[in-house]
Amino acid sequence: MKNIIKIGFCSLLLSGLSVSYSFGMGLKQCLQESDNGKQATSPVQEDIKALCKDEQVSQQGSLSQVSSEVLTMAYSLIGVEHLLVISSEFDNLQNLFNNNQLVTGVNFFTRGPGSPWDEKKWSEAATVLNQRKNGQEEVPNKFRKKINFDKLPNLLLGAKSILGSFVPSDTVISNYSSWRSDFMKKTNPFRRLLTYAQLQRVIAEENLTHVRLPFKMLLIQDKLTGNYVARKCALDILNDITKIMILSPSDLETKIDYYSDTHELHVFAQKKERVKNPLNNQAFGELKALIQKAPFDVGDDNIFSDNNGDAIIIDTEFMGESAKSSLAKLERYSH
C-alpha cells in the first residue's frame, strides 16, 4: 500500500544493553528479552504487585483522557457489524481509502495482506456506496448499523490511544517471568480491551463502587523471535498495525483490528480467586446499571464475587448483545 507510516528509532532493552533499530511499518525486528530469564532487574514479588497497582492507576488516567464519544464508538464497532457510508462525493475510491488508511483485501488467517481488490471490486464498492448514499440500497440486516466515513479518522486515532493505555512500562515487560504466573493470557485483544475501556468509563462516571475489573495489560510479541517488545517500540508498532478494515466490496462491512503478519497482540489479565459468596445486593444492582449503559457478554462463569460479595468481571467482551439480553443472563448470578 502507498500510505506506509514510517516509524522512527525504537530504543529497546536487550539483556541490559540499549539497542536502536529503524524500521517502517513495524516490520523489522524489535526485540525485548523478557520471558527467557535474562532480565536486567528482578524485583521481588511484592514489588511487582505494587508496580502493577501503579500501572493500573496510570492506565485509568490515560483512559480518562479519551472522549466518551470515541470510547463508545470503538466499543460499538467491535460488537456489532457496521456498514460504511460516505456522504460526500468521491472521484477515486481506492485513493480515498488508501489516503485514510482503510485496508482492503485482508487475510484473516495471518492478519496480513490478502488478495488486492481488482478494478471490478473497486467499481462494485463504489456502486454500493453511491446506492447507500442515495437511499437506493435494500434495507440492511437489522443487527447492522451504519458508520459515516467522516467518523473513521478520529475513531482510528482514539482506538490507538485506548489500546496504548494498556501497554505497561519497560520494567513490567522486562520482568515478565516475575508476574506471568499471576496473569492469564487472553485472546481477542481488541474486543476485550475496547470493551474493558468502555466498562471502566461507565464504572467511573456512575461511581459504581461494588463492581471492579481486574488489571489487564497489552504486550506485543515478535512472531519470529517470540520476544515481547519494549514499550516505546510497542506503541510505535501498535500505531502502525491498528487499522480500519473494509471486509467486502459487496456490503463494505467495517471492522477495527490489527493488521500484521510479523507481530501478535497478547492480553494479560490478573488472576482473581473465586469466592463462593453470592453477590451482594449493591453489586447486583450496580451490574444492572452497568449493563444498561454498556452491555457485555454475561457468561456462566465470568463474574466472580469477592469476600464482601462485590462483583469482579473477569471477562470483558461485547459480542453485540442488547442490554435486555445481558440483563436476562445476569439473573443466573442472583442467588
C-alpha atoms as a PDB file:
ATOM      1  CA  MET A   1       0.000   0.000   0.000  1.00  0.00           C
ATOM      2  CA  LYS A   2       1.127   3.565  -0.659  1.00  0.00           C
ATOM      3  CA  ASN A   3       0.263   5.010   2.720  1.00  0.00           C
ATOM      4  CA  ILE A   4       3.075   3.446   4.711  1.00  0.00           C
ATOM      5  CA  ILE A   5       3.683   5.146   8.047  1.00  0.00           C
ATOM      6  CA  LYS A   6       7.390   5.479   8.688  1.00  0.00           C
ATOM      7  CA  ILE A   7       8.375   4.894  12.272  1.00  0.00           C
ATOM      8  CA  GLY A   8      11.465   6.402  13.859  1.00  0.00           C
ATOM      9  CA  PHE A   9      14.052   4.814  16.082  1.00  0.00           C
ATOM     10  CA  CYS A  10      12.903   2.338  18.671  1.00  0.00           C
ATOM     11  CA  SER A  11      15.090   2.000  21.743  1.00  0.00           C
ATOM     12  CA  LEU A  12      14.969  -1.498  23.121  1.00  0.00           C
ATOM     13  CA  LEU A  13      16.177  -3.185  26.273  1.00  0.00           C
ATOM     14  CA  LEU A  14      18.138  -6.318  25.429  1.00  0.00           C
ATOM     15  CA  SER A  15      19.751  -8.011  28.432  1.00  0.00           C
ATOM     16  CA  GLY A  16      20.585  -4.623  29.903  1.00  0.00           C
ATOM     17  CA  LEU A  17      22.008  -3.184  26.649  1.00  0.00           C
ATOM     18  CA  SER A  18      20.450  -0.292  24.763  1.00  0.00           C
ATOM     19  CA  VAL A  19      19.937  -1.135  21.088  1.00  0.00           C
ATOM     20  CA  SER A  20      18.363   1.046  18.389  1.00  0.00           C
ATOM     21  CA  TYR A  21      16.513  -0.076  15.285  1.00  0.00           C
ATOM     22  CA  SER A  22      14.991   1.986  12.474  1.00  0.00           C
ATOM     23  CA  PHE A  23      12.079   0.478  10.604  1.00  0.00           C
ATOM     24  CA  GLY A  24       8.916   1.197   8.601  1.00  0.00           C
ATOM     25  CA  MET A  25       5.504  -0.456   9.095  1.00  0.00           C
ATOM     26  CA  GLY A  26       6.844  -2.103  12.258  1.00  0.00           C
ATOM     27  CA  LEU A  27       8.131  -4.999  10.159  1.00  0.00           C
ATOM     28  CA  LYS A  28      11.818  -5.138  11.177  1.00  0.00           C
ATOM     29  CA  GLN A  29      12.984  -6.879  14.310  1.00  0.00           C
ATOM     30  CA  CYS A  30      12.103  -5.102  17.505  1.00  0.00           C
ATOM     31  CA  LEU A  31      13.273  -7.366  20.293  1.00  0.00           C
ATOM     32  CA  GLN A  32      12.758  -7.480  24.027  1.00  0.00           C
ATOM     33  CA  GLU A  33      14.389 -10.153  26.169  1.00  0.00           C
ATOM     34  CA  SER A  34      11.507 -10.568  28.566  1.00  0.00           C
ATOM     35  CA  ASP A  35      10.495 -14.176  29.013  1.00  0.00           C
ATOM     36  CA  ASN A  36      13.782 -16.041  28.918  1.00  0.00           C
ATOM     37  CA  GLY A  37      15.141 -15.255  32.369  1.00  0.00           C
ATOM     38  CA  LYS A  38      17.639 -12.612  31.213  1.00  0.00           C
ATOM     39  CA  GLN A  39      16.054  -9.605  32.870  1.00  0.00           C
ATOM     40  CA  ALA A  40      18.235  -6.655  33.787  1.00  0.00           C
ATOM     41  CA  THR A  41      16.475  -6.462  37.154  1.00  0.00           C
ATOM     42  CA  SER A  42      14.409  -8.895  39.172  1.00  0.00           C
ATOM     43  CA  PRO A  43      12.143  -7.199  41.727  1.00  0.00           C
ATOM     44  CA  VAL A  44      10.672  -9.344  44.463  1.00  0.00           C
ATOM     45  CA  GLN A  45       7.047 -10.417  44.135  1.00  0.00           C
ATOM     46  CA  GLU A  46       5.700  -7.693  46.434  1.00  0.00           C
ATOM     47  CA  ASP A  47       7.456  -5.044  44.368  1.00  0.00           C
ATOM     48  CA  ILE A  48       5.857  -6.423  41.217  1.00  0.00           C
ATOM     49  CA  LYS A  49       2.410  -6.275  42.820  1.00  0.00           C
ATOM     50  CA  ALA A  50       2.973  -2.680  43.849  1.00  0.00           C
ATOM     51  CA  LEU A  51       4.269  -1.865  40.375  1.00  0.00           C
ATOM     52  CA  CYS A  52       1.186  -3.417  38.736  1.00  0.00           C
ATOM     53  CA  LYS A  53      -1.023  -1.361  41.036  1.00  0.00           C
ATOM     54  CA  ASP A  54       0.786   1.794  39.961  1.00  0.00           C
ATOM     55  CA  GLU A  55       0.431   0.719  36.327  1.00  0.00           C
ATOM     56  CA  GLN A  56      -3.326   0.301  36.777  1.00  0.00           C
ATOM     57  CA  VAL A  57      -3.660   3.825  38.180  1.00  0.00           C
ATOM     58  CA  SER A  58      -1.654   5.184  35.250  1.00  0.00           C
ATOM     59  CA  GLN A  59      -3.751   3.164  32.810  1.00  0.00           C
ATOM     60  CA  GLN A  60      -7.016   4.520  34.202  1.00  0.00           C
ATOM     61  CA  GLY A  61      -5.632   8.048  33.991  1.00  0.00           C
ATOM     62  CA  SER A  62      -4.764   7.558  30.324  1.00  0.00           C
ATOM     63  CA  LEU A  63      -8.185   6.103  29.517  1.00  0.00           C
ATOM     64  CA  SER A  64      -9.886   9.065  31.184  1.00  0.00           C
ATOM     65  CA  GLN A  65      -8.296  11.325  28.572  1.00  0.00           C
ATOM     66  CA  VAL A  66     -10.153   9.595  25.713  1.00  0.00           C
ATOM     67  CA  SER A  67     -13.513  11.162  24.881  1.00  0.00           C
ATOM     68  CA  SER A  68     -16.699   9.291  25.751  1.00  0.00           C
ATOM     69  CA  GLU A  69     -17.803   9.535  22.120  1.00  0.00           C
ATOM     70  CA  VAL A  70     -14.697   7.761  20.831  1.00  0.00           C
ATOM     71  CA  LEU A  71     -14.807   5.120  23.584  1.00  0.00           C
ATOM     72  CA  THR A  72     -18.446   4.357  22.800  1.00  0.00           C
ATOM     73  CA  MET A  73     -17.863   4.294  19.044  1.00  0.00           C
ATOM     74  CA  ALA A  74     -14.900   1.916  19.325  1.00  0.00           C
ATOM     75  CA  TYR A  75     -16.825  -0.333  21.735  1.00  0.00           C
ATOM     76  CA  SER A  76     -19.821  -0.379  19.414  1.00  0.00           C
ATOM     77  CA  LEU A  77     -17.768  -1.154  16.311  1.00  0.00           C
ATOM     78  CA  ILE A  78     -16.219  -4.302  17.785  1.00  0.00           C
ATOM     79  CA  GLY A  79     -19.594  -5.619  18.946  1.00  0.00           C
ATOM     80  CA  VAL A  80     -21.922  -5.010  16.006  1.00  0.00           C
ATOM     81  CA  GLU A  81     -21.335  -5.142  12.258  1.00  0.00           C
ATOM     82  CA  HIS A  82     -21.162  -1.638  10.793  1.00  0.00           C
ATOM     83  CA  LEU A  83     -21.661  -0.746   7.140  1.00  0.00           C
ATOM     84  CA  LEU A  84     -19.667   2.121   5.688  1.00  0.00           C
ATOM     85  CA  VAL A  85     -21.434   5.246   4.446  1.00  0.00           C
ATOM     86  CA  ILE A  86     -19.710   8.086   2.569  1.00  0.00           C
ATOM     87  CA  SER A  87     -21.858  11.204   2.458  1.00  0.00           C
ATOM     88  CA  SER A  88     -19.540  13.334   0.296  1.00  0.00           C
ATOM     89  CA  GLU A  89     -18.617  12.936  -3.371  1.00  0.00           C
ATOM     90  CA  PHE A  90     -15.535  10.935  -4.329  1.00  0.00           C
ATOM     91  CA  ASP A  91     -13.702  10.568  -7.629  1.00  0.00           C
ATOM     92  CA  ASN A  92     -11.346   7.694  -6.841  1.00  0.00           C
ATOM     93  CA  LEU A  93     -12.456   5.354  -4.082  1.00  0.00           C
ATOM     94  CA  GLN A  94      -9.154   3.457  -3.987  1.00  0.00           C
ATOM     95  CA  ASN A  95      -7.159   6.644  -3.396  1.00  0.00           C
ATOM     96  CA  LEU A  96      -9.671   7.783  -0.778  1.00  0.00           C
ATOM     97  CA  PHE A  97      -9.294   4.517   1.150  1.00  0.00           C
ATOM     98  CA  ASN A  98      -5.508   4.466   0.864  1.00  0.00           C
ATOM     99  CA  ASN A  99      -5.092   8.083   1.932  1.00  0.00           C
ATOM    100  CA  ASN A 100      -7.172   7.424   5.048  1.00  0.00           C
ATOM    101  CA  GLN A 101      -5.502   4.109   5.952  1.00  0.00           C
ATOM    102  CA  LEU A 102      -8.559   1.979   5.202  1.00  0.00           C
ATOM    103  CA  VAL A 103      -7.332  -1.527   4.450  1.00  0.00           C
ATOM    104  CA  THR A 104      -8.924  -3.907   1.944  1.00  0.00           C
ATOM    105  CA  GLY A 105      -8.013  -7.432   0.855  1.00  0.00           C
ATOM    106  CA  VAL A 106      -7.166  -8.778   4.320  1.00  0.00           C
ATOM    107  CA  ASN A 107      -6.067 -12.358   5.049  1.00  0.00           C
ATOM    108  CA  PHE A 108      -7.661 -13.045   8.426  1.00  0.00           C
ATOM    109  CA  PHE A 109      -5.671 -16.221   8.995  1.00  0.00           C
ATOM    110  CA  THR A 110      -2.338 -14.378   9.017  1.00  0.00           C
ATOM    111  CA  ARG A 111      -3.646 -10.854   9.797  1.00  0.00           C
ATOM    112  CA  GLY A 112      -1.574  -9.768   6.826  1.00  0.00           C
ATOM    113  CA  PRO A 113      -2.141  -8.844   3.188  1.00  0.00           C
ATOM    114  CA  GLY A 114      -4.628 -10.913   1.238  1.00  0.00           C
ATOM    115  CA  SER A 115      -5.687 -10.628  -2.380  1.00  0.00           C
ATOM    116  CA  PRO A 116      -5.868  -6.972  -3.506  1.00  0.00           C
ATOM    117  CA  TRP A 117      -9.158  -5.767  -4.880  1.00  0.00           C
ATOM    118  CA  ASP A 118      -9.163  -5.660  -8.649  1.00  0.00           C
ATOM    119  CA  GLU A 119     -10.856  -2.952 -10.719  1.00  0.00           C
ATOM    120  CA  LYS A 120     -14.135  -4.864 -10.721  1.00  0.00           C
ATOM    121  CA  LYS A 121     -14.281  -4.978  -6.901  1.00  0.00           C
ATOM    122  CA  TRP A 122     -13.433  -1.278  -6.560  1.00  0.00           C
ATOM    123  CA  SER A 123     -16.215  -0.493  -9.036  1.00  0.00           C
ATOM    124  CA  GLU A 124     -18.640  -2.698  -7.082  1.00  0.00           C
ATOM    125  CA  ALA A 125     -17.733  -0.934  -3.834  1.00  0.00           C
ATOM    126  CA  ALA A 126     -18.239   2.498  -5.422  1.00  0.00           C
ATOM    127  CA  THR A 127     -21.657   1.435  -6.722  1.00  0.00           C
ATOM    128  CA  VAL A 128     -22.727   0.173  -3.290  1.00  0.00           C
ATOM    129  CA  LEU A 129     -21.627   3.418  -1.624  1.00  0.00           C
ATOM    130  CA  ASN A 130     -23.485   5.576  -4.146  1.00  0.00           C
ATOM    131  CA  GLN A 131     -26.642   3.490  -3.776  1.00  0.00           C
ATOM    132  CA  ARG A 132     -26.368   3.665   0.006  1.00  0.00           C
ATOM    133  CA  LYS A 133     -25.881   7.441  -0.100  1.00  0.00           C
ATOM    134  CA  ASN A 134     -28.896   7.908  -2.352  1.00  0.00           C
ATOM    135  CA  GLY A 135     -31.098   5.604  -0.308  1.00  0.00           C
ATOM    136  CA  GLN A 136     -31.390   3.059  -3.138  1.00  0.00           C
ATOM    137  CA  GLU A 137     -29.875   0.149  -1.248  1.00  0.00           C
ATOM    138  CA  GLU A 138     -32.067  -2.558   0.204  1.00  0.00           C
ATOM    139  CA  VAL A 139     -32.680  -2.248   3.947  1.00  0.00           C
ATOM    140  CA  PRO A 140     -29.653  -3.881   5.674  1.00  0.00           C
ATOM    141  CA  ASN A 141     -29.891  -6.549   8.309  1.00  0.00           C
ATOM    142  CA  LYS A 142     -31.488  -5.003  11.402  1.00  0.00           C
ATOM    143  CA  PHE A 143     -28.492  -6.027  13.514  1.00  0.00           C
ATOM    144  CA  ARG A 144     -26.172  -3.963  11.353  1.00  0.00           C
ATOM    145  CA  LYS A 145     -25.534  -0.285  11.881  1.00  0.00           C
ATOM    146  CA  LYS A 146     -24.127   2.331   9.549  1.00  0.00           C
ATOM    147  CA  ILE A 147     -20.994   4.354  10.223  1.00  0.00           C
ATOM    148  CA  ASN A 148     -20.052   7.502   8.372  1.00  0.00           C
ATOM    149  CA  PHE A 149     -16.674   7.675   6.717  1.00  0.00           C
ATOM    150  CA  ASP A 150     -16.071  11.074   8.333  1.00  0.00           C
ATOM    151  CA  LYS A 151     -16.039   9.422  11.785  1.00  0.00           C
ATOM    152  CA  LEU A 152     -13.257   6.981  10.964  1.00  0.00           C
ATOM    153  CA  PRO A 153     -10.119   9.176  11.342  1.00  0.00           C
ATOM    154  CA  ASN A 154     -10.993  10.175  14.924  1.00  0.00           C
ATOM    155  CA  LEU A 155     -12.073   6.624  15.681  1.00  0.00           C
ATOM    156  CA  LEU A 156      -8.744   5.243  14.476  1.00  0.00           C
ATOM    157  CA  LEU A 157      -6.730   7.750  16.498  1.00  0.00           C
ATOM    158  CA  GLY A 158      -8.902   7.132  19.556  1.00  0.00           C
ATOM    159  CA  ALA A 159      -8.609   3.343  19.303  1.00  0.00           C
ATOM    160  CA  LYS A 160      -4.812   3.622  19.128  1.00  0.00           C
ATOM    161  CA  SER A 161      -4.855   5.811  22.235  1.00  0.00           C
ATOM    162  CA  ILE A 162      -7.124   3.396  24.099  1.00  0.00           C
ATOM    163  CA  LEU A 163      -5.004   0.367  23.258  1.00  0.00           C
ATOM    164  CA  GLY A 164      -1.768   2.217  24.017  1.00  0.00           C
ATOM    165  CA  SER A 165      -3.066   2.852  27.539  1.00  0.00           C
ATOM    166  CA  PHE A 166      -2.828  -0.887  28.213  1.00  0.00           C
ATOM    167  CA  VAL A 167       0.871  -1.202  27.258  1.00  0.00           C
ATOM    168  CA  PRO A 168       2.869  -1.342  30.525  1.00  0.00           C
ATOM    169  CA  SER A 169       6.259   0.119  31.378  1.00  0.00           C
ATOM    170  CA  ASP A 170       9.560  -1.451  30.336  1.00  0.00           C
ATOM    171  CA  THR A 171      10.111  -2.524  33.945  1.00  0.00           C
ATOM    172  CA  VAL A 172       6.964  -4.659  33.828  1.00  0.00           C
ATOM    173  CA  ILE A 173       7.739  -6.023  30.361  1.00  0.00           C
ATOM    174  CA  SER A 174      11.348  -6.882  31.192  1.00  0.00           C
ATOM    175  CA  ASN A 175      10.273  -8.711  34.364  1.00  0.00           C
ATOM    176  CA  TYR A 176       7.734 -10.859  32.554  1.00  0.00           C
ATOM    177  CA  SER A 177       8.719 -14.067  34.354  1.00  0.00           C
ATOM    178  CA  SER A 178       8.200 -12.421  37.765  1.00  0.00           C
ATOM    179  CA  TRP A 179       4.487 -11.743  37.223  1.00  0.00           C
ATOM    180  CA  ARG A 180       3.462 -14.201  34.489  1.00  0.00           C
ATOM    181  CA  SER A 181       2.071 -16.845  36.887  1.00  0.00           C
ATOM    182  CA  ASP A 182      -0.325 -14.264  38.372  1.00  0.00           C
ATOM    183  CA  PHE A 183      -1.847 -13.410  34.986  1.00  0.00           C
ATOM    184  CA  MET A 184      -3.852 -15.265  32.349  1.00  0.00           C
ATOM    185  CA  LYS A 185      -3.133 -14.776  28.651  1.00  0.00           C
ATOM    186  CA  LYS A 186      -6.267 -13.897  26.676  1.00  0.00           C
ATOM    187  CA  THR A 187      -7.230 -13.864  23.004  1.00  0.00           C
ATOM    188  CA  ASN A 188      -9.218 -11.272  21.014  1.00  0.00           C
ATOM    189  CA  PRO A 189      -7.285  -8.217  22.243  1.00  0.00           C
ATOM    190  CA  PHE A 190      -9.353  -5.538  20.527  1.00  0.00           C
ATOM    191  CA  ARG A 191     -12.711  -6.936  21.616  1.00  0.00           C
ATOM    192  CA  ARG A 192     -11.554  -7.433  25.205  1.00  0.00           C
ATOM    193  CA  LEU A 193      -9.733  -4.139  25.700  1.00  0.00           C
ATOM    194  CA  LEU A 194     -12.143  -1.834  23.888  1.00  0.00           C
ATOM    195  CA  THR A 195     -14.988  -3.366  25.924  1.00  0.00           C
ATOM    196  CA  TYR A 196     -12.897  -3.060  29.101  1.00  0.00           C
ATOM    197  CA  ALA A 197     -12.290   0.635  28.401  1.00  0.00           C
ATOM    198  CA  GLN A 198     -15.998   1.303  27.932  1.00  0.00           C
ATOM    199  CA  LEU A 199     -16.946  -0.589  31.098  1.00  0.00           C
ATOM    200  CA  GLN A 200     -14.260   1.253  33.050  1.00  0.00           C
ATOM    201  CA  ARG A 201     -15.630   4.576  31.776  1.00  0.00           C
ATOM    202  CA  VAL A 202     -19.175   3.769  32.913  1.00  0.00           C
ATOM    203  CA  ILE A 203     -17.972   2.461  36.299  1.00  0.00           C
ATOM    204  CA  ALA A 204     -16.137   5.748  36.892  1.00  0.00           C
ATOM    205  CA  GLU A 205     -18.904   8.022  35.591  1.00  0.00           C
ATOM    206  CA  GLU A 206     -21.657   6.240  37.523  1.00  0.00           C
ATOM    207  CA  ASN A 207     -19.483   5.880  40.639  1.00  0.00           C
ATOM    208  CA  LEU A 208     -20.079   2.140  40.838  1.00  0.00           C
ATOM    209  CA  THR A 209     -18.153   1.083  43.932  1.00  0.00           C
ATOM    210  CA  HIS A 210     -19.225  -2.568  44.132  1.00  0.00           C
ATOM    211  CA  VAL A 211     -18.129  -3.615  40.615  1.00  0.00           C
ATOM    212  CA  ARG A 212     -14.485  -3.997  39.602  1.00  0.00           C
ATOM    213  CA  LEU A 213     -12.418  -5.066  36.623  1.00  0.00           C
ATOM    214  CA  PRO A 214      -9.139  -6.969  37.061  1.00  0.00           C
ATOM    215  CA  PHE A 215      -5.984  -5.264  35.845  1.00  0.00           C
ATOM    216  CA  LYS A 216      -5.193  -6.030  32.187  1.00  0.00           C
ATOM    217  CA  MET A 217      -2.107  -5.340  30.090  1.00  0.00           C
ATOM    218  CA  LEU A 218      -1.298  -5.492  26.391  1.00  0.00           C
ATOM    219  CA  LEU A 219       2.053  -6.833  25.199  1.00  0.00           C
ATOM    220  CA  ILE A 220       3.263  -7.124  21.619  1.00  0.00           C
ATOM    221  CA  GLN A 221       5.192 -10.207  20.591  1.00  0.00           C
ATOM    222  CA  ASP A 222       7.584 -10.552  17.683  1.00  0.00           C
ATOM    223  CA  LYS A 223       6.412 -13.671  15.818  1.00  0.00           C
ATOM    224  CA  LEU A 224       9.907 -14.525  14.614  1.00  0.00           C
ATOM    225  CA  THR A 225      11.684 -14.417  17.983  1.00  0.00           C
ATOM    226  CA  GLY A 226       8.806 -14.931  20.410  1.00  0.00           C
ATOM    227  CA  ASN A 227      10.017 -11.951  22.466  1.00  0.00           C
ATOM    228  CA  TYR A 228       7.919  -9.052  23.730  1.00  0.00           C
ATOM    229  CA  VAL A 229       8.986  -5.615  22.533  1.00  0.00           C
ATOM    230  CA  ALA A 230       9.735  -2.646  24.783  1.00  0.00           C
ATOM    231  CA  ARG A 231       7.049  -0.026  25.469  1.00  0.00           C
ATOM    232  CA  LYS A 232       8.224   2.696  23.078  1.00  0.00           C
ATOM    233  CA  CYS A 233       8.574   0.211  20.262  1.00  0.00           C
ATOM    234  CA  ALA A 234       5.244  -1.415  21.171  1.00  0.00           C
ATOM    235  CA  LEU A 235       3.449   1.926  20.902  1.00  0.00           C
ATOM    236  CA  ASP A 236       5.048   2.599  17.507  1.00  0.00           C
ATOM    237  CA  ILE A 237       4.049  -0.836  16.225  1.00  0.00           C
ATOM    238  CA  LEU A 238       0.548  -0.513  17.653  1.00  0.00           C
ATOM    239  CA  ASN A 239       0.158   2.842  15.945  1.00  0.00           C
ATOM    240  CA  ASP A 240       1.217   1.246  12.689  1.00  0.00           C
ATOM    241  CA  ILE A 241      -0.775  -2.006  12.699  1.00  0.00           C
ATOM    242  CA  THR A 242      -4.110  -0.773  14.086  1.00  0.00           C
ATOM    243  CA  LYS A 243      -6.338  -0.451  11.044  1.00  0.00           C
ATOM    244  CA  ILE A 244      -9.863   0.192   9.873  1.00  0.00           C
ATOM    245  CA  MET A 245     -10.621  -2.735   7.565  1.00  0.00           C
ATOM    246  CA  ILE A 246     -13.238  -2.948   4.821  1.00  0.00           C
ATOM    247  CA  LEU A 247     -14.073  -6.618   4.519  1.00  0.00           C
ATOM    248  CA  SER A 248     -16.074  -6.932   1.330  1.00  0.00           C
ATOM    249  CA  PRO A 249     -16.898  -4.689  -1.644  1.00  0.00           C
ATOM    250  CA  SER A 250     -20.430  -6.080  -1.724  1.00  0.00           C
ATOM    251  CA  ASP A 251     -21.517  -4.678   1.657  1.00  0.00           C
ATOM    252  CA  LEU A 252     -18.498  -2.634   2.889  1.00  0.00           C
ATOM    253  CA  GLU A 253     -18.635  -4.063   6.389  1.00  0.00           C
ATOM    254  CA  THR A 254     -16.222  -2.078   8.556  1.00  0.00           C
ATOM    255  CA  LYS A 255     -14.005  -3.583  11.243  1.00  0.00           C
ATOM    256  CA  ILE A 256     -11.277  -2.269  13.513  1.00  0.00           C
ATOM    257  CA  ASP A 257      -8.457  -4.680  14.295  1.00  0.00           C
ATOM    258  CA  TYR A 258      -4.742  -5.107  13.918  1.00  0.00           C
ATOM    259  CA  TYR A 259      -3.136  -5.965  10.614  1.00  0.00           C
ATOM    260  CA  SER A 260       0.281  -7.612  10.815  1.00  0.00           C
ATOM    261  CA  ASP A 261       1.985 -10.804   9.772  1.00  0.00           C
ATOM    262  CA  THR A 262       5.050 -10.101  11.947  1.00  0.00           C
ATOM    263  CA  HIS A 263       3.603  -9.260  15.378  1.00  0.00           C
ATOM    264  CA  GLU A 264       0.902 -10.602  17.692  1.00  0.00           C
ATOM    265  CA  LEU A 265      -1.009  -8.813  20.427  1.00  0.00           C
ATOM    266  CA  HIS A 266      -1.435 -10.613  23.760  1.00  0.00           C
ATOM    267  CA  VAL A 267      -3.705  -9.527  26.607  1.00  0.00           C
ATOM    268  CA  PHE A 268      -2.706 -10.492  30.141  1.00  0.00           C
ATOM    269  CA  ALA A 269      -5.410 -10.338  32.821  1.00  0.00           C
ATOM    270  CA  GLN A 270      -4.643 -10.510  36.526  1.00  0.00           C
ATOM    271  CA  LYS A 271      -5.956 -13.736  38.053  1.00  0.00           C
ATOM    272  CA  LYS A 272      -8.709 -13.500  40.640  1.00  0.00           C
ATOM    273  CA  GLU A 273      -9.650 -16.152  43.168  1.00  0.00           C
ATOM    274  CA  ARG A 274     -13.169 -17.478  43.141  1.00  0.00           C
ATOM    275  CA  VAL A 275     -15.070 -16.942  46.392  1.00  0.00           C
ATOM    276  CA  LYS A 276     -18.299 -18.837  46.979  1.00  0.00           C
ATOM    277  CA  ASN A 277     -20.080 -15.834  48.463  1.00  0.00           C
ATOM    278  CA  PRO A 278     -23.130 -14.733  46.474  1.00  0.00           C
ATOM    279  CA  LEU A 279     -23.148 -11.246  45.039  1.00  0.00           C
ATOM    280  CA  ASN A 280     -24.462  -8.691  47.488  1.00  0.00           C
ATOM    281  CA  ASN A 281     -27.495  -6.574  46.611  1.00  0.00           C
ATOM    282  CA  GLN A 282     -25.437  -3.460  45.911  1.00  0.00           C
ATOM    283  CA  ALA A 283     -23.186  -5.319  43.482  1.00  0.00           C
ATOM    284  CA  PHE A 284     -26.119  -6.904  41.689  1.00  0.00           C
ATOM    285  CA  GLY A 285     -27.843  -3.544  41.362  1.00  0.00           C
ATOM    286  CA  GLU A 286     -24.677  -1.893  40.040  1.00  0.00           C
ATOM    287  CA  LEU A 287     -24.174  -4.674  37.495  1.00  0.00           C
ATOM    288  CA  LYS A 288     -27.663  -3.920  36.195  1.00  0.00           C
ATOM    289  CA  ALA A 289     -26.834  -0.223  35.959  1.00  0.00           C
ATOM    290  CA  LEU A 290     -23.578  -1.022  34.143  1.00  0.00           C
ATOM    291  CA  ILE A 291     -25.279  -3.306  31.625  1.00  0.00           C
ATOM    292  CA  GLN A 292     -27.917  -0.692  30.866  1.00  0.00           C
ATOM    293  CA  LYS A 293     -25.137   1.665  29.783  1.00  0.00           C
ATOM    294  CA  ALA A 294     -22.704  -0.878  28.296  1.00  0.00           C
ATOM    295  CA  PRO A 295     -23.953  -4.421  27.627  1.00  0.00           C
ATOM    296  CA  PHE A 296     -21.343  -7.167  27.602  1.00  0.00           C
ATOM    297  CA  ASP A 297     -21.242 -10.931  27.271  1.00  0.00           C
ATOM    298  CA  VAL A 298     -22.548 -12.291  30.576  1.00  0.00           C
ATOM    299  CA  GLY A 299     -21.411 -15.898  30.541  1.00  0.00           C
ATOM    300  CA  ASP A 300     -21.956 -18.726  33.010  1.00  0.00           C
ATOM    301  CA  ASP A 301     -18.701 -18.067  34.795  1.00  0.00           C
ATOM    302  CA  ASN A 302     -17.269 -14.643  34.018  1.00  0.00           C
ATOM    303  CA  ILE A 303     -18.445 -12.681  37.063  1.00  0.00           C
ATOM    304  CA  PHE A 304     -16.768 -13.565  40.364  1.00  0.00           C
ATOM    305  CA  SER A 305     -17.602 -12.287  43.832  1.00  0.00           C
ATOM    306  CA  ASP A 306     -15.027 -11.287  46.425  1.00  0.00           C
ATOM    307  CA  ASN A 307     -15.109 -11.796  50.200  1.00  0.00           C
ATOM    308  CA  ASN A 308     -17.555  -8.896  50.540  1.00  0.00           C
ATOM    309  CA  GLY A 309     -19.858 -10.098  47.785  1.00  0.00           C
ATOM    310  CA  ASP A 310     -18.735  -7.357  45.390  1.00  0.00           C
ATOM    311  CA  ALA A 311     -18.557  -8.200  41.685  1.00  0.00           C
ATOM    312  CA  ILE A 312     -15.379  -8.783  39.662  1.00  0.00           C
ATOM    313  CA  ILE A 313     -15.967  -9.039  35.898  1.00  0.00           C
ATOM    314  CA  ILE A 314     -13.141 -11.296  34.766  1.00  0.00           C
ATOM    315  CA  ASP A 315     -14.123 -11.455  31.087  1.00  0.00           C
ATOM    316  CA  THR A 316     -14.918  -8.261  29.206  1.00  0.00           C
ATOM    317  CA  GLU A 317     -16.197  -8.839  25.693  1.00  0.00           C
ATOM    318  CA  PHE A 318     -19.035  -7.074  23.898  1.00  0.00           C
ATOM    319  CA  MET A 319     -20.479  -9.501  21.357  1.00  0.00           C
ATOM    320  CA  GLY A 320     -23.317  -7.307  20.110  1.00  0.00           C
ATOM    321  CA  GLU A 321     -25.920  -8.362  22.666  1.00  0.00           C
ATOM    322  CA  SER A 322     -28.593  -5.941  23.784  1.00  0.00           C
ATOM    323  CA  ALA A 323     -28.943  -4.693  27.351  1.00  0.00           C
ATOM    324  CA  LYS A 324     -32.141  -6.732  27.603  1.00  0.00           C
ATOM    325  CA  SER A 325     -30.337  -9.927  26.631  1.00  0.00           C
ATOM    326  CA  SER A 326     -27.423  -9.293  29.017  1.00  0.00           C
ATOM    327  CA  LEU A 327     -29.775  -8.470  31.897  1.00  0.00           C
ATOM    328  CA  ALA A 328     -31.648 -11.725  31.348  1.00  0.00           C
ATOM    329  CA  LYS A 329     -28.362 -13.666  31.556  1.00  0.00           C
ATOM    330  CA  LEU A 330     -27.384 -11.745  34.691  1.00  0.00           C
ATOM    331  CA  GLU A 331     -30.231 -13.410  36.566  1.00  0.00           C
ATOM    332  CA  ARG A 332     -28.138 -16.579  36.833  1.00  0.00           C
ATOM    333  CA  TYR A 333     -25.998 -14.646  39.368  1.00  0.00           C
ATOM    334  CA  SER A 334     -28.960 -13.551  41.532  1.00  0.00           C
ATOM    335  CA  HIS A 335     -28.626 -16.414  44.011  1.00  0.00           C
END
